[in-house]
Amino acid sequence: MNEVMKVLTVFASIFIPLTFLAGIYGMNFEYMPELKWKWLIQSFGWYLLLFLLY
């Protein structure tokens, strides 16, 4: 049972934050300041990298 809980914890720690981000950024907003950023993709990539390395 302990091994099963370890595997489920790993899956949850990976997919719960991804689900949260997809839920927030998947919504249709009229005003999102990030959409007007010149370097949107690069900045999102850096934030994601910092989050994953933390």
N, C-alpha and C. Protein backbone atom coordinates (compact mmCIF):
# COMPACT_ATOMS: atom_id res chain seq x y z
N MET A 1 0.82 -1.19 0.00
CA MET A 1 0.00 0.00 0.00
C MET A 1 0.86 1.26 0.00
N ASN A 2 2.01 1.19 0.67
CA ASN A 2 2.89 2.34 0.76
C ASN A 2 3.44 2.74 -0.61
N GLU A 3 3.78 1.78 -1.44
CA GLU A 3 4.29 2.08 -2.78
C GLU A 3 3.22 2.73 -3.65
N VAL A 4 2.00 2.27 -3.50
CA VAL A 4 0.90 2.86 -4.26
C VAL A 4 0.72 4.33 -3.88
N MET A 5 0.80 4.64 -2.62
CA MET A 5 0.65 6.03 -2.17
C MET A 5 1.80 6.90 -2.68
N LYS A 6 2.99 6.36 -2.76
CA LYS A 6 4.13 7.12 -3.29
C LYS A 6 3.89 7.47 -4.76
N VAL A 7 3.44 6.49 -5.53
CA VAL A 7 3.18 6.73 -6.95
C VAL A 7 2.07 7.74 -7.14
N LEU A 8 1.00 7.60 -6.38
CA LEU A 8 -0.11 8.56 -6.48
C LEU A 8 0.31 9.96 -6.07
N THR A 9 1.19 10.08 -5.10
CA THR A 9 1.69 11.39 -4.67
C THR A 9 2.51 12.05 -5.77
N VAL A 10 3.33 11.27 -6.45
CA VAL A 10 4.12 11.82 -7.55
C VAL A 10 3.21 12.30 -8.67
N PHE A 11 2.23 11.49 -9.05
CA PHE A 11 1.30 11.90 -10.10
C PHE A 11 0.52 13.15 -9.69
N ALA A 12 0.07 13.19 -8.46
CA ALA A 12 -0.70 14.34 -8.01
C ALA A 12 0.16 15.60 -7.97
N SER A 13 1.41 15.48 -7.53
CA SER A 13 2.27 16.67 -7.46
C SER A 13 2.61 17.20 -8.84
N ILE A 14 2.51 16.38 -9.85
CA ILE A 14 2.76 16.84 -11.23
C ILE A 14 1.50 17.41 -11.84
N PHE A 15 0.39 16.71 -11.72
CA PHE A 15 -0.80 17.08 -12.48
C PHE A 15 -1.71 18.09 -11.80
N ILE A 16 -1.69 18.21 -10.49
CA ILE A 16 -2.56 19.19 -9.83
C ILE A 16 -2.16 20.63 -10.20
N PRO A 17 -0.87 21.01 -10.15
CA PRO A 17 -0.53 22.38 -10.57
C PRO A 17 -0.81 22.63 -12.06
N LEU A 18 -0.58 21.62 -12.89
CA LEU A 18 -0.87 21.78 -14.32
C LEU A 18 -2.36 21.98 -14.56
N THR A 19 -3.17 21.24 -13.84
CA THR A 19 -4.62 21.40 -13.96
C THR A 19 -5.06 22.78 -13.49
N PHE A 20 -4.45 23.27 -12.44
CA PHE A 20 -4.77 24.61 -11.95
C PHE A 20 -4.42 25.67 -12.99
N LEU A 21 -3.22 25.59 -13.56
CA LEU A 21 -2.82 26.57 -14.57
C LEU A 21 -3.70 26.48 -15.81
N ALA A 22 -4.03 25.28 -16.24
CA ALA A 22 -4.90 25.13 -17.40
C ALA A 22 -6.29 25.68 -17.11
N GLY A 23 -6.77 25.52 -15.88
CA GLY A 23 -8.07 26.04 -15.52
C GLY A 23 -8.10 27.56 -15.51
N ILE A 24 -7.05 28.18 -15.02
CA ILE A 24 -7.00 29.64 -14.98
C ILE A 24 -6.83 30.22 -16.37
N TYR A 25 -5.84 29.73 -17.11
CA TYR A 25 -5.55 30.31 -18.42
C TYR A 25 -6.45 29.77 -19.51
N GLY A 26 -7.27 28.77 -19.22
CA GLY A 26 -8.21 28.27 -20.21
C GLY A 26 -9.51 29.03 -20.22
N MET A 27 -9.71 29.90 -19.21
CA MET A 27 -10.93 30.69 -19.15
C MET A 27 -10.86 31.82 -20.18
N ASN A 28 -12.02 32.27 -20.61
CA ASN A 28 -12.08 33.38 -21.55
C ASN A 28 -12.18 34.69 -20.78
N PHE A 29 -11.09 35.42 -20.75
CA PHE A 29 -11.05 36.71 -20.09
C PHE A 29 -11.08 37.81 -21.14
N GLU A 30 -11.80 38.89 -20.84
CA GLU A 30 -11.74 40.04 -21.73
C GLU A 30 -10.45 40.81 -21.50
N TYR A 31 -10.04 40.88 -20.25
CA TYR A 31 -8.85 41.66 -19.93
C TYR A 31 -7.85 40.79 -19.19
N MET A 32 -6.78 40.47 -19.85
CA MET A 32 -5.65 39.78 -19.22
C MET A 32 -4.39 40.54 -19.60
N PRO A 33 -3.73 41.19 -18.66
CA PRO A 33 -2.55 41.98 -19.00
C PRO A 33 -1.47 41.14 -19.69
N GLU A 34 -1.39 39.86 -19.37
CA GLU A 34 -0.36 39.02 -19.95
C GLU A 34 -0.51 38.88 -21.46
N LEU A 35 -1.73 39.01 -21.97
CA LEU A 35 -1.95 38.82 -23.40
C LEU A 35 -1.34 39.93 -24.24
N LYS A 36 -1.08 41.07 -23.63
CA LYS A 36 -0.51 42.20 -24.37
C LYS A 36 1.00 42.31 -24.20
N TRP A 37 1.62 41.37 -23.46
CA TRP A 37 3.05 41.39 -23.30
C TRP A 37 3.74 41.05 -24.60
N LYS A 38 4.84 41.75 -24.85
CA LYS A 38 5.58 41.50 -26.08
C LYS A 38 6.27 40.14 -26.03
N TRP A 39 6.74 39.75 -24.88
CA TRP A 39 7.49 38.50 -24.73
C TRP A 39 6.69 37.49 -23.91
N LEU A 40 5.43 37.28 -24.26
CA LEU A 40 4.54 36.44 -23.47
C LEU A 40 5.04 34.99 -23.39
N ILE A 41 5.37 34.41 -24.50
CA ILE A 41 5.76 33.00 -24.51
C ILE A 41 7.07 32.79 -23.75
N GLN A 42 8.04 33.69 -23.96
CA GLN A 42 9.32 33.54 -23.28
C GLN A 42 9.17 33.72 -21.78
N SER A 43 8.38 34.70 -21.36
CA SER A 43 8.22 34.93 -19.93
C SER A 43 7.47 33.77 -19.28
N PHE A 44 6.47 33.22 -19.95
CA PHE A 44 5.76 32.07 -19.41
C PHE A 44 6.70 30.87 -19.29
N GLY A 45 7.57 30.72 -20.27
CA GLY A 45 8.54 29.63 -20.23
C GLY A 45 9.49 29.77 -19.06
N TRP A 46 9.95 31.00 -18.79
CA TRP A 46 10.85 31.23 -17.66
C TRP A 46 10.14 30.97 -16.33
N TYR A 47 8.89 31.43 -16.21
CA TYR A 47 8.14 31.18 -14.98
C TYR A 47 7.94 29.69 -14.78
N LEU A 48 7.61 28.98 -15.85
CA LEU A 48 7.42 27.54 -15.74
C LEU A 48 8.71 26.85 -15.36
N LEU A 49 9.81 27.28 -15.94
CA LEU A 49 11.11 26.69 -15.61
C LEU A 49 11.46 26.94 -14.15
N LEU A 50 11.25 28.16 -13.68
CA LEU A 50 11.54 28.47 -12.28
C LEU A 50 10.63 27.65 -11.35
N PHE A 51 9.37 27.50 -11.74
CA PHE A 51 8.44 26.70 -10.92
C PHE A 51 8.88 25.25 -10.87
N LEU A 52 9.30 24.71 -11.99
CA LEU A 52 9.71 23.31 -12.02
C LEU A 52 11.03 23.07 -11.29
N LEU A 53 11.92 24.06 -11.30
CA LEU A 53 13.19 23.91 -10.62
C LEU A 53 13.06 24.13 -9.11
N TYR A 54 12.01 24.84 -8.70
CA TYR A 54 11.82 25.10 -7.29
C TYR A 54 11.39 23.82 -6.61
